Amino acid sequence: MAYSLNMDRSTIEKVNCVIASVLHRKSAAYENMLRSEIPEWDSIAHAGIIVSLEEEFGIEFEGSDLAAIASSHGFAGAIEKTKALSRQQPA
């Protein structure tokens, strides 16, 4: 899953804060938090991250590719994509 490197830094910062909160860790500001490097980031935590991000950003993710997202930057890209799609849909 590839996303733009020009993601909004505030989105990345918020995503990292949410992930850090769910995992009870310090936030990494703009660093790319990798699931493979954080033992606490298991499938249960992953589901909690998804729900927490949806609440934080007021969005609802669609698609089955969420399970494959393995980093904070991946989530930031998915959030920006979801926001863009919702702006394109008629009210």
Protein backbone atom coordinates (compact mmCIF):
# COMPACT_ATOMS: atom_id res chain seq x y z
CA MET A 1 0.00 0.00 0.00
CA ALA A 2 1.82 3.14 -1.17
CA TYR A 3 0.99 6.63 0.00
CA SER A 4 2.25 10.07 -0.82
CA LEU A 5 5.31 11.30 1.01
CA ASN A 6 3.68 14.73 1.06
CA MET A 7 1.24 13.82 3.82
CA ASP A 8 0.03 16.53 6.16
CA ARG A 9 2.44 16.63 9.11
CA SER A 10 -0.39 17.38 11.53
CA THR A 11 -2.11 14.18 10.38
CA ILE A 12 1.07 12.20 11.01
CA GLU A 13 1.50 13.78 14.44
CA LYS A 14 -2.12 13.01 15.43
CA VAL A 15 -1.83 9.44 14.14
CA ASN A 16 1.36 8.90 16.15
CA CYS A 17 -0.32 10.33 19.28
CA VAL A 18 -3.31 8.00 18.87
CA ILE A 19 -1.11 4.95 18.29
CA ALA A 20 1.09 5.86 21.25
CA SER A 21 -1.98 6.28 23.44
CA VAL A 22 -3.46 2.91 22.44
CA LEU A 23 -0.11 1.17 22.96
CA HIS A 24 0.73 3.12 26.15
CA ARG A 25 3.99 4.44 24.67
CA LYS A 26 5.59 7.83 24.14
CA SER A 27 4.58 9.52 20.90
CA ALA A 28 7.18 9.55 18.15
CA ALA A 29 6.04 12.93 16.71
CA TYR A 30 6.70 12.59 12.97
CA GLU A 31 8.65 9.34 12.90
CA ASN A 32 7.16 6.37 11.13
CA MET A 33 6.06 3.97 13.88
CA LEU A 34 6.41 0.43 12.52
CA ARG A 35 4.20 -2.41 13.69
CA SER A 36 7.06 -4.89 13.27
CA GLU A 37 9.19 -2.93 15.77
CA ILE A 38 6.55 -2.60 18.52
CA PRO A 39 5.75 -5.87 20.32
CA GLU A 40 2.58 -4.42 21.88
CA TRP A 41 1.13 -3.74 18.41
CA ASP A 42 -0.68 -7.04 18.00
CA SER A 43 -3.98 -7.72 16.20
CA ILE A 44 -6.08 -6.59 19.18
CA ALA A 45 -4.13 -3.34 19.48
CA HIS A 46 -4.41 -2.89 15.71
CA ALA A 47 -8.22 -3.01 15.96
CA GLY A 48 -8.07 -0.50 18.82
CA ILE A 49 -5.88 1.81 16.75
CA ILE A 50 -8.36 1.69 13.86
CA VAL A 51 -11.32 2.55 16.10
CA SER A 52 -9.39 5.30 17.89
CA LEU A 53 -8.26 6.86 14.59
CA GLU A 54 -11.83 6.81 13.25
CA GLU A 55 -12.99 8.62 16.38
CA GLU A 56 -10.12 11.12 16.37
CA PHE A 57 -10.56 12.06 12.71
CA GLY A 58 -14.35 11.68 12.48
CA ILE A 59 -14.08 9.21 9.62
CA GLU A 60 -15.03 5.64 8.85
CA PHE A 61 -12.45 3.54 7.07
CA GLU A 62 -13.65 1.38 4.21
CA GLY A 63 -12.00 -1.61 2.66
CA SER A 64 -10.32 -4.73 3.84
CA ASP A 65 -6.77 -3.46 3.40
CA LEU A 66 -6.67 -1.92 6.89
CA ALA A 67 -5.28 -5.12 8.35
CA ALA A 68 -2.27 -4.77 6.06
CA ILE A 69 -1.34 -1.27 7.27
CA ALA A 70 1.82 -1.71 9.30
CA SER A 71 2.96 1.81 10.14
CA SER A 72 1.79 5.19 11.36
CA HIS A 73 2.54 6.72 7.96
CA GLY A 74 0.41 4.02 6.34
CA PHE A 75 -2.49 5.00 8.58
CA ALA A 76 -1.92 8.71 7.85
CA GLY A 77 -2.11 7.97 4.13
CA ALA A 78 -5.28 5.92 4.58
CA ILE A 79 -6.84 8.79 6.56
CA GLU A 80 -6.01 11.32 3.87
CA LYS A 81 -7.38 8.98 1.20
CA THR A 82 -10.60 8.46 3.20
CA LYS A 83 -11.02 12.21 3.69
CA ALA A 84 -10.46 12.86 -0.02
CA LEU A 85 -13.03 10.23 -1.00
CA SER A 86 -15.61 11.63 1.39
CA ARG A 87 -15.17 15.12 -0.12
CA GLN A 88 -15.87 13.68 -3.58
CA GLN A 89 -19.13 11.99 -2.59
CA PRO A 90 -22.32 14.03 -2.95
CA ALA A 91 -24.07 14.95 0.29
